[in-house]
C-alpha atoms as a PDB file:
ATOM      1  CA  UNK A   1     -53.284  37.041  70.575  1.00  0.00           C
ATOM      2  CA  UNK A   2     -52.900  36.697  74.339  1.00  0.00           C
ATOM      3  CA  UNK A   3     -56.619  36.693  74.974  1.00  0.00           C
ATOM      4  CA  UNK A   4     -57.145  34.061  72.236  1.00  0.00           C
ATOM      5  CA  UNK A   5     -54.372  31.917  73.733  1.00  0.00           C
ATOM      6  CA  UNK A   6     -55.939  32.010  77.194  1.00  0.00           C
ATOM      7  CA  UNK A   7     -59.337  31.298  75.713  1.00  0.00           C
ATOM      8  CA  UNK A   8     -57.976  28.235  73.954  1.00  0.00           C
ATOM      9  CA  UNK A   9     -56.250  27.010  77.181  1.00  0.00           C
ATOM     10  CA  UNK A  10     -59.570  27.523  79.079  1.00  0.00           C
ATOM     11  CA  UNK A  11     -61.473  25.747  76.409  1.00  0.00           C
ATOM     12  CA  UNK A  12     -59.238  22.754  76.406  1.00  0.00           C
ATOM     13  CA  UNK A  13     -59.204  22.598  80.167  1.00  0.00           C
ATOM     14  CA  UNK A  14     -62.990  22.748  80.351  1.00  0.00           C
ATOM     15  CA  UNK A  15     -63.557  19.705  78.113  1.00  0.00           C
ATOM     16  CA  UNK A  16     -62.426  16.131  78.205  1.00  0.00           C
ATOM     17  CA  UNK A  17     -59.734  15.311  75.652  1.00  0.00           C
ATOM     18  CA  UNK A  18     -62.115  13.410  73.344  1.00  0.00           C
ATOM     19  CA  UNK A  19     -64.536  16.286  73.252  1.00  0.00           C
ATOM     20  CA  UNK A  20     -61.826  18.861  72.555  1.00  0.00           C
ATOM     21  CA  UNK A  21     -60.656  16.684  69.699  1.00  0.00           C
ATOM     22  CA  UNK A  22     -64.148  16.831  68.121  1.00  0.00           C
ATOM     23  CA  UNK A  23     -63.857  20.609  67.765  1.00  0.00           C
ATOM     24  CA  UNK A  24     -62.258  22.712  65.030  1.00  0.00           C
ATOM     25  CA  UNK A  25     -61.008  25.235  67.534  1.00  0.00           C
ATOM     26  CA  UNK A  26     -59.123  27.321  64.942  1.00  0.00           C
ATOM     27  CA  UNK A  27     -62.081  27.376  62.621  1.00  0.00           C
ATOM     28  CA  UNK A  28     -64.487  28.276  65.421  1.00  0.00           C
ATOM     29  CA  UNK A  29     -62.375  31.174  66.594  1.00  0.00           C
ATOM     30  CA  UNK A  30     -61.711  32.406  63.053  1.00  0.00           C
ATOM     31  CA  UNK A  31     -65.384  32.290  62.192  1.00  0.00           C
ATOM     32  CA  UNK A  32     -66.344  34.244  65.264  1.00  0.00           C
ATOM     33  CA  UNK A  33     -63.622  36.857  64.585  1.00  0.00           C
ATOM     34  CA  UNK A  34     -64.660  37.210  60.925  1.00  0.00           C
ATOM     35  CA  UNK A  35     -68.331  37.669  61.921  1.00  0.00           C
ATOM     36  CA  UNK A  36     -67.496  40.271  64.534  1.00  0.00           C
ATOM     37  CA  UNK A  37     -64.912  42.191  62.510  1.00  0.00           C
ATOM     38  CA  UNK A  38     -67.468  43.734  60.131  1.00  0.00           C
ATOM     39  CA  UNK A  39     -70.038  44.399  62.885  1.00  0.00           C
ATOM     40  CA  UNK A  40     -68.210  46.035  65.820  1.00  0.00           C
ATOM     41  CA  UNK A  41     -65.340  48.561  66.124  1.00  0.00           C
ATOM     42  CA  UNK A  42     -61.946  47.059  65.599  1.00  0.00           C
ATOM     43  CA  UNK A  43     -60.830  47.736  69.144  1.00  0.00           C
ATOM     44  CA  UNK A  44     -63.743  45.734  70.475  1.00  0.00           C
ATOM     45  CA  UNK A  45     -63.288  42.599  68.335  1.00  0.00           C
ATOM     46  CA  UNK A  46     -60.686  40.781  70.604  1.00  0.00           C
ATOM     47  CA  UNK A  47     -62.716  41.368  73.713  1.00  0.00           C
ATOM     48  CA  UNK A  48     -65.966  40.120  72.134  1.00  0.00           C
ATOM     49  CA  UNK A  49     -64.152  37.060  70.617  1.00  0.00           C
ATOM     50  CA  UNK A  50     -63.017  36.327  74.200  1.00  0.00           C
ATOM     51  CA  UNK A  51     -66.512  36.801  75.516  1.00  0.00           C
ATOM     52  CA  UNK A  52     -68.057  34.517  72.923  1.00  0.00           C
ATOM     53  CA  UNK A  53     -65.466  31.738  73.366  1.00  0.00           C
ATOM     54  CA  UNK A  54     -65.888  31.974  77.186  1.00  0.00           C
ATOM     55  CA  UNK A  55     -69.595  31.409  76.818  1.00  0.00           C
ATOM     56  CA  UNK A  56     -69.125  28.587  74.357  1.00  0.00           C
ATOM     57  CA  UNK A  57     -66.660  26.973  76.802  1.00  0.00           C
ATOM     58  CA  UNK A  58     -69.191  27.196  79.615  1.00  0.00           C
ATOM     59  CA  UNK A  59     -72.019  25.703  77.599  1.00  0.00           C
ATOM     60  CA  UNK A  60     -70.062  22.967  75.949  1.00  0.00           C
ATOM     61  CA  UNK A  61     -68.606  22.078  79.344  1.00  0.00           C
ATOM     62  CA  UNK A  62     -72.189  21.572  80.426  1.00  0.00           C
ATOM     63  CA  UNK A  63     -72.915  18.837  77.842  1.00  0.00           C
ATOM     64  CA  UNK A  64     -74.266  21.311  75.284  1.00  0.00           C
ATOM     65  CA  UNK A  65     -71.981  19.683  72.717  1.00  0.00           C
ATOM     66  CA  UNK A  66     -74.310  16.644  72.768  1.00  0.00           C
ATOM     67  CA  UNK A  67     -77.201  18.726  71.289  1.00  0.00           C
ATOM     68  CA  UNK A  68     -75.261  21.120  69.008  1.00  0.00           C
ATOM     69  CA  UNK A  69     -74.877  19.860  65.431  1.00  0.00           C
ATOM     70  CA  UNK A  70     -72.390  22.591  64.385  1.00  0.00           C
ATOM     71  CA  UNK A  71     -70.245  24.056  67.153  1.00  0.00           C
ATOM     72  CA  UNK A  72     -68.835  26.666  64.782  1.00  0.00           C
ATOM     73  CA  UNK A  73     -72.358  27.711  63.666  1.00  0.00           C
ATOM     74  CA  UNK A  74     -73.482  27.776  67.266  1.00  0.00           C
ATOM     75  CA  UNK A  75     -70.608  30.032  68.293  1.00  0.00           C
ATOM     76  CA  UNK A  76     -71.415  32.447  65.418  1.00  0.00           C
ATOM     77  CA  UNK A  77     -75.070  32.525  66.660  1.00  0.00           C
ATOM     78  CA  UNK A  78     -73.793  33.363  70.155  1.00  0.00           C
ATOM     79  CA  UNK A  79     -71.641  36.120  68.556  1.00  0.00           C
ATOM     80  CA  UNK A  80     -74.696  37.554  66.819  1.00  0.00           C
ATOM     81  CA  UNK A  81     -76.434  37.966  70.190  1.00  0.00           C
ATOM     82  CA  UNK A  82     -73.283  39.450  71.698  1.00  0.00           C
ATOM     83  CA  UNK A  83     -73.320  42.142  69.012  1.00  0.00           C
ATOM     84  CA  UNK A  84     -76.907  43.067  69.968  1.00  0.00           C
ATOM     85  CA  UNK A  85     -75.911  43.188  73.649  1.00  0.00           C
ATOM     86  CA  UNK A  86     -72.788  45.239  72.876  1.00  0.00           C
ATOM     87  CA  UNK A  87     -74.615  48.037  71.103  1.00  0.00           C
ATOM     88  CA  UNK A  88     -77.578  48.120  73.457  1.00  0.00           C
ATOM     89  CA  UNK A  89     -75.226  48.324  76.447  1.00  0.00           C
ATOM     90  CA  UNK A  90     -73.295  51.190  74.846  1.00  0.00           C
ATOM     91  CA  UNK A  91     -76.469  52.996  73.975  1.00  0.00           C
ATOM     92  CA  UNK A  92     -77.746  52.735  77.547  1.00  0.00           C
ATOM     93  CA  UNK A  93     -74.385  53.559  79.109  1.00  0.00           C
ATOM     94  CA  UNK A  94     -74.580  50.610  81.514  1.00  0.00           C
ATOM     95  CA  UNK A  95     -71.000  50.333  82.631  1.00  0.00           C
ATOM     96  CA  UNK A  96     -70.449  48.791  86.003  1.00  0.00           C
ATOM     97  CA  UNK A  97     -67.147  49.076  87.883  1.00  0.00           C
ATOM     98  CA  UNK A  98     -65.491  45.924  89.206  1.00  0.00           C
ATOM     99  CA  UNK A  99     -66.300  45.321  92.831  1.00  0.00           C
ATOM    100  CA  UNK A 100     -64.166  43.731  95.458  1.00  0.00           C
ATOM    101  CA  UNK A 101     -66.752  41.107  96.414  1.00  0.00           C
ATOM    102  CA  UNK A 102     -67.404  39.937  92.908  1.00  0.00           C
ATOM    103  CA  UNK A 103     -65.697  40.345  89.581  1.00  0.00           C
ATOM    104  CA  UNK A 104     -68.689  40.980  87.337  1.00  0.00           C
ATOM    105  CA  UNK A 105     -66.728  43.110  84.963  1.00  0.00           C
ATOM    106  CA  UNK A 106     -69.483  44.762  82.878  1.00  0.00           C
ATOM    107  CA  UNK A 107     -73.128  44.355  82.191  1.00  0.00           C
ATOM    108  CA  UNK A 108     -73.682  42.375  78.985  1.00  0.00           C
ATOM    109  CA  UNK A 109     -70.292  40.717  79.359  1.00  0.00           C
ATOM    110  CA  UNK A 110     -69.400  37.333  80.885  1.00  0.00           C
ATOM    111  CA  UNK A 111     -69.070  37.506  84.685  1.00  0.00           C
ATOM    112  CA  UNK A 112     -65.484  36.374  85.380  1.00  0.00           C
ATOM    113  CA  UNK A 113     -64.610  34.694  88.638  1.00  0.00           C
ATOM    114  CA  UNK A 114     -60.858  34.759  88.620  1.00  0.00           C
ATOM    115  CA  UNK A 115     -60.408  32.945  91.942  1.00  0.00           C
ATOM    116  CA  UNK A 116     -61.918  29.452  91.617  1.00  0.00           C
ATOM    117  CA  UNK A 117     -61.921  28.982  95.349  1.00  0.00           C
ATOM    118  CA  UNK A 118     -64.148  31.984  95.714  1.00  0.00           C
ATOM    119  CA  UNK A 119     -66.386  31.319  92.688  1.00  0.00           C
ATOM    120  CA  UNK A 120     -69.136  29.417  94.593  1.00  0.00           C
ATOM    121  CA  UNK A 121     -69.312  32.042  97.316  1.00  0.00           C
ATOM    122  CA  UNK A 122     -69.358  34.894  94.836  1.00  0.00           C
ATOM    123  CA  UNK A 123     -72.132  33.282  92.833  1.00  0.00           C
ATOM    124  CA  UNK A 124     -74.120  32.665  95.958  1.00  0.00           C
ATOM    125  CA  UNK A 125     -73.730  36.323  96.963  1.00  0.00           C
ATOM    126  CA  UNK A 126     -74.918  37.423  93.519  1.00  0.00           C
ATOM    127  CA  UNK A 127     -78.007  35.184  93.575  1.00  0.00           C
ATOM    128  CA  UNK A 128     -78.846  36.311  97.149  1.00  0.00           C
ATOM    129  CA  UNK A 129     -78.788  39.944  96.049  1.00  0.00           C
ATOM    130  CA  UNK A 130     -80.944  39.171  93.070  1.00  0.00           C
ATOM    131  CA  UNK A 131     -83.419  37.348  95.321  1.00  0.00           C
ATOM    132  CA  UNK A 132     -83.739  40.382  97.525  1.00  0.00           C
ATOM    133  CA  UNK A 133     -83.579  42.984  94.746  1.00  0.00           C
ATOM    134  CA  UNK A 134     -85.816  41.386  92.107  1.00  0.00           C
ATOM    135  CA  UNK A 135     -86.984  37.832  92.934  1.00  0.00           C
ATOM    136  CA  UNK A 136     -88.614  37.452  89.512  1.00  0.00           C
ATOM    137  CA  UNK A 137     -85.164  37.805  87.895  1.00  0.00           C
ATOM    138  CA  UNK A 138     -83.518  34.825  89.668  1.00  0.00           C
ATOM    139  CA  UNK A 139     -84.020  32.694  86.586  1.00  0.00           C
ATOM    140  CA  UNK A 140     -82.491  35.391  84.350  1.00  0.00           C
ATOM    141  CA  UNK A 141     -79.362  35.752  86.473  1.00  0.00           C
ATOM    142  CA  UNK A 142     -78.974  32.020  86.599  1.00  0.00           C
ATOM    143  CA  UNK A 143     -78.931  31.908  82.806  1.00  0.00           C
ATOM    144  CA  UNK A 144     -76.437  34.815  82.821  1.00  0.00           C
ATOM    145  CA  UNK A 145     -74.091  32.865  85.056  1.00  0.00           C
ATOM    146  CA  UNK A 146     -74.377  29.931  82.697  1.00  0.00           C
ATOM    147  CA  UNK A 147     -72.992  32.158  79.896  1.00  0.00           C
ATOM    148  CA  UNK A 148     -76.177  33.228  78.107  1.00  0.00           C
ATOM    149  CA  UNK A 149     -76.350  36.665  76.548  1.00  0.00           C
ATOM    150  CA  UNK A 150     -78.897  39.243  77.579  1.00  0.00           C
ATOM    151  CA  UNK A 151     -80.730  38.804  74.256  1.00  0.00           C
ATOM    152  CA  UNK A 152     -80.868  35.062  74.686  1.00  0.00           C
ATOM    153  CA  UNK A 153     -82.059  35.420  78.325  1.00  0.00           C
ATOM    154  CA  UNK A 154     -84.840  37.700  77.051  1.00  0.00           C
ATOM    155  CA  UNK A 155     -85.931  35.027  74.627  1.00  0.00           C
ATOM    156  CA  UNK A 156     -85.746  32.204  77.237  1.00  0.00           C
ATOM    157  CA  UNK A 157     -87.474  34.029  80.048  1.00  0.00           C
ATOM    158  CA  UNK A 158     -89.820  36.410  78.270  1.00  0.00           C
ATOM    159  CA  UNK A 159     -88.452  39.436  80.187  1.00  0.00           C
ATOM    160  CA  UNK A 160     -87.815  42.618  78.209  1.00  0.00           C
ATOM    161  CA  UNK A 161     -84.133  43.268  77.611  1.00  0.00           C
ATOM    162  CA  UNK A 162     -84.425  46.705  79.165  1.00  0.00           C
ATOM    163  CA  UNK A 163     -85.650  45.281  82.447  1.00  0.00           C
ATOM    164  CA  UNK A 164     -82.883  42.653  82.547  1.00  0.00           C
ATOM    165  CA  UNK A 165     -80.283  45.407  82.020  1.00  0.00           C
ATOM    166  CA  UNK A 166     -81.771  47.605  84.744  1.00  0.00           C
ATOM    167  CA  UNK A 167     -81.921  44.812  87.261  1.00  0.00           C
ATOM    168  CA  UNK A 168     -78.532  43.454  86.524  1.00  0.00           C
ATOM    169  CA  UNK A 169     -77.031  46.973  86.774  1.00  0.00           C
ATOM    170  CA  UNK A 170     -78.653  47.486  90.135  1.00  0.00           C
ATOM    171  CA  UNK A 171     -77.400  44.104  91.394  1.00  0.00           C
ATOM    172  CA  UNK A 172     -73.821  44.763  90.161  1.00  0.00           C
ATOM    173  CA  UNK A 173     -73.795  48.227  91.782  1.00  0.00           C
ATOM    174  CA  UNK A 174     -75.035  46.777  95.045  1.00  0.00           C
ATOM    175  CA  UNK A 175     -72.270  44.236  95.024  1.00  0.00           C
ATOM    176  CA  UNK A 176     -69.755  46.827  94.033  1.00  0.00           C
ATOM    177  CA  UNK A 177     -70.741  48.839  97.096  1.00  0.00           C
ATOM    178  CA  UNK A 178     -70.274  45.735  99.226  1.00  0.00           C
ATOM    179  CA  UNK A 179     -73.941  45.666 100.023  1.00  0.00           C
ATOM    180  CA  UNK A 180     -74.450  42.171 101.490  1.00  0.00           C
ATOM    181  CA  UNK A 181     -77.841  40.508 102.123  1.00  0.00           C
ATOM    182  CA  UNK A 182     -78.849  40.728 105.768  1.00  0.00           C
ATOM    183  CA  UNK A 183     -78.835  37.495 107.712  1.00  0.00           C
ATOM    184  CA  UNK A 184     -82.052  36.121 109.060  1.00  0.00           C
ATOM    185  CA  UNK A 185     -82.763  37.059 112.653  1.00  0.00           C
ATOM    186  CA  UNK A 186     -81.423  34.679 115.285  1.00  0.00           C
ATOM    187  CA  UNK A 187     -83.933  32.032 116.299  1.00  0.00           C
ATOM    188  CA  UNK A 188     -85.821  32.119 113.015  1.00  0.00           C
ATOM    189  CA  UNK A 189     -86.272  29.086 110.761  1.00  0.00           C
ATOM    190  CA  UNK A 190     -85.609  30.897 107.451  1.00  0.00           C
ATOM    191  CA  UNK A 191     -82.414  28.924 106.825  1.00  0.00           C
ATOM    192  CA  UNK A 192     -84.131  25.636 107.358  1.00  0.00           C
ATOM    193  CA  UNK A 193     -86.989  26.717 105.065  1.00  0.00           C
ATOM    194  CA  UNK A 194     -84.588  27.870 102.338  1.00  0.00           C
ATOM    195  CA  UNK A 195     -82.737  24.579 102.254  1.00  0.00           C
ATOM    196  CA  UNK A 196     -85.601  22.309 101.372  1.00  0.00           C
ATOM    197  CA  UNK A 197     -86.491  21.238  97.822  1.00  0.00           C
ATOM    198  CA  UNK A 198     -90.008  22.475  98.339  1.00  0.00           C
ATOM    199  CA  UNK A 199     -89.032  26.032  99.244  1.00  0.00           C
ATOM    200  CA  UNK A 200     -86.422  26.296  96.565  1.00  0.00           C
ATOM    201  CA  UNK A 201     -88.825  24.980  93.945  1.00  0.00           C
ATOM    202  CA  UNK A 202     -91.346  27.656  95.003  1.00  0.00           C
ATOM    203  CA  UNK A 203     -88.669  30.325  94.553  1.00  0.00           C
ATOM    204  CA  UNK A 204     -87.892  29.328  90.953  1.00  0.00           C
ATOM    205  CA  UNK A 205     -88.979  31.517  88.036  1.00  0.00           C
ATOM    206  CA  UNK A 206     -92.388  30.712  86.539  1.00  0.00           C
ATOM    207  CA  UNK A 207     -90.970  29.159  83.376  1.00  0.00           C
ATOM    208  CA  UNK A 208     -88.314  27.123  85.261  1.00  0.00           C
ATOM    209  CA  UNK A 209     -90.922  25.769  87.663  1.00  0.00           C
ATOM    210  CA  UNK A 210     -93.281  24.867  84.781  1.00  0.00           C
ATOM    211  CA  UNK A 211     -90.488  23.086  82.913  1.00  0.00           C
ATOM    212  CA  UNK A 212     -89.484  21.087  86.012  1.00  0.00           C
ATOM    213  CA  UNK A 213     -93.080  20.197  86.794  1.00  0.00           C
ATOM    214  CA  UNK A 214     -93.699  18.900  83.354  1.00  0.00           C
ATOM    215  CA  UNK A 215     -90.371  16.983  83.466  1.00  0.00           C
ATOM    216  CA  UNK A 216     -91.545  15.437  86.757  1.00  0.00           C
ATOM    217  CA  UNK A 217     -94.618  14.248  84.908  1.00  0.00           C
ATOM    218  CA  UNK A 218     -92.345  12.361  82.567  1.00  0.00           C
ATOM    219  CA  UNK A 219     -92.698  14.674  79.570  1.00  0.00           C
ATOM    220  CA  UNK A 220     -89.810  14.992  77.071  1.00  0.00           C
ATOM    221  CA  UNK A 221     -88.281  18.335  75.944  1.00  0.00           C
ATOM    222  CA  UNK A 222     -90.262  18.269  72.689  1.00  0.00           C
ATOM    223  CA  UNK A 223     -93.580  17.950  74.587  1.00  0.00           C
ATOM    224  CA  UNK A 224     -92.583  20.563  77.085  1.00  0.00           C
ATOM    225  CA  UNK A 225     -91.590  22.973  74.272  1.00  0.00           C
ATOM    226  CA  UNK A 226     -94.923  22.489  72.509  1.00  0.00           C
ATOM    227  CA  UNK A 227     -96.913  22.950  75.720  1.00  0.00           C
ATOM    228  CA  UNK A 228     -95.086  26.130  76.778  1.00  0.00           C
ATOM    229  CA  UNK A 229     -94.429  27.603  73.400  1.00  0.00           C
ATOM    230  CA  UNK A 230     -90.627  27.563  73.746  1.00  0.00           C
ATOM    231  CA  UNK A 231     -87.794  25.794  71.933  1.00  0.00           C
ATOM    232  CA  UNK A 232     -86.613  22.350  72.932  1.00  0.00           C
ATOM    233  CA  UNK A 233     -83.182  23.928  73.765  1.00  0.00           C
ATOM    234  CA  UNK A 234     -84.955  26.365  76.130  1.00  0.00           C
ATOM    235  CA  UNK A 235     -86.750  23.481  77.819  1.00  0.00           C
ATOM    236  CA  UNK A 236     -83.472  21.644  78.375  1.00  0.00           C
ATOM    237  CA  UNK A 237     -81.705  24.763  79.621  1.00  0.00           C
ATOM    238  CA  UNK A 238     -84.538  25.657  82.046  1.00  0.00           C
ATOM    239  CA  UNK A 239     -84.548  22.134  83.453  1.00  0.00           C
ATOM    240  CA  UNK A 240     -80.777  22.150  83.895  1.00  0.00           C
ATOM    241  CA  UNK A 241     -80.752  25.561  85.585  1.00  0.00           C
ATOM    242  CA  UNK A 242     -83.595  24.628  87.934  1.00  0.00           C
ATOM    243  CA  UNK A 243     -81.891  21.385  89.020  1.00  0.00           C
ATOM    244  CA  UNK A 244     -78.636  23.213  89.663  1.00  0.00           C
ATOM    245  CA  UNK A 245     -80.421  25.880  91.661  1.00  0.00           C
ATOM    246  CA  UNK A 246     -82.026  23.314  93.925  1.00  0.00           C
ATOM    247  CA  UNK A 247     -78.743  21.430  94.347  1.00  0.00           C
ATOM    248  CA  UNK A 248     -76.974  24.713  95.185  1.00  0.00           C
ATOM    249  CA  UNK A 249     -79.299  25.075  98.180  1.00  0.00           C
ATOM    250  CA  UNK A 250     -79.849  21.447  99.339  1.00  0.00           C
ATOM    251  CA  UNK A 251     -76.655  19.776  98.307  1.00  0.00           C
ATOM    252  CA  UNK A 252     -75.974  16.806  96.046  1.00  0.00           C
ATOM    253  CA  UNK A 253     -79.402  15.310  95.325  1.00  0.00           C
ATOM    254  CA  UNK A 254     -80.249  12.800  92.621  1.00  0.00           C
ATOM    255  CA  UNK A 255     -82.465  14.122  89.798  1.00  0.00           C
ATOM    256  CA  UNK A 256     -85.109  11.472  90.435  1.00  0.00           C
ATOM    257  CA  UNK A 257     -85.405  12.505  94.087  1.00  0.00           C
ATOM    258  CA  UNK A 258     -85.945  16.120  93.043  1.00  0.00           C
ATOM    259  CA  UNK A 259     -88.525  15.154  90.410  1.00  0.00           C
ATOM    260  CA  UNK A 260     -90.337  12.942  92.896  1.00  0.00           C
ATOM    261  CA  UNK A 261     -90.605  15.842  95.341  1.00  0.00           C
ATOM    262  CA  UNK A 262     -91.850  18.128  92.626  1.00  0.00           C
ATOM    263  CA  UNK A 263     -94.523  15.546  91.704  1.00  0.00           C
ATOM    264  CA  UNK A 264     -95.568  15.561  95.340  1.00  0.00           C
ATOM    265  CA  UNK A 265     -95.805  19.329  95.356  1.00  0.00           C
ATOM    266  CA  UNK A 266     -98.016  19.229  92.256  1.00  0.00           C
ATOM    267  CA  UNK A 267    -100.276  16.546  93.757  1.00  0.00           C
ATOM    268  CA  UNK A 268    -100.667  18.456  96.997  1.00  0.00           C
ATOM    269  CA  UNK A 269    -101.500  21.617  95.029  1.00  0.00           C
ATOM    270  CA  UNK A 270    -104.122  19.792  92.986  1.00  0.00           C
ATOM    271  CA  UNK A 271    -105.628  18.279  96.103  1.00  0.00           C
ATOM    272  CA  UNK A 272    -105.903  21.660  97.827  1.00  0.00           C
ATOM    273  CA  UNK A 273    -107.542  23.186  94.685  1.00  0.00           C
ATOM    274  CA  UNK A 274    -109.995  20.234  94.510  1.00  0.00           C
ATOM    275  CA  UNK A 275    -110.960  20.686  98.117  1.00  0.00           C
END
């Protein structure tokens, strides 16, 4: 009861009043609980309901409500993926202790940042460790921080679930041991390089970069989905994550400015190949 109460409070706080009013919160929570109650042990249901609702809060708070026809059906779909993650995590015994520098409570579960003032710093630490541990998994971790399940991340990025688990476990253990990324040597220009749209774009995952490049060309999610063989939702999500990643490094930048820079990158690349 307590966890559900806090989930509802968080849900209401995350959405404008008019959006909250559009949702059948009681029905959504009941549907998720009913779905989970016959699929996972009874002592796990409340925790998983909390996880599912936390993820739904995060996504709907990021305008996902605009593209979801049935919030209740969508929540149950998230719950389905959570069940897969739950049993795979248990079978692989991937339990990660809570660290002092970040409160990633367990692999396959929502990373909870209980101190809002530290949330940005903690997320930055997490992404820096991923960048040094497994650069090809930056996109996957970004999706995880957005509230996507391991199963969904595997579908979006194309990475095997086993590799995602292994990398996330390694990252969480490094953070738990207070292993911080080493700072660039004094006098180097690494910081300057890392804070440009060009350098951040080049560090994006392959699929994120492709989605953003096609978006810069003026292509719509449906076209992008057809060209890359992904869903329209995956196209939207990848674009959103890539824009947020760039802004996290370079600050508040208009989308059009980012897309214009990406177009320039593509043109320069084509010119170099032509020469």
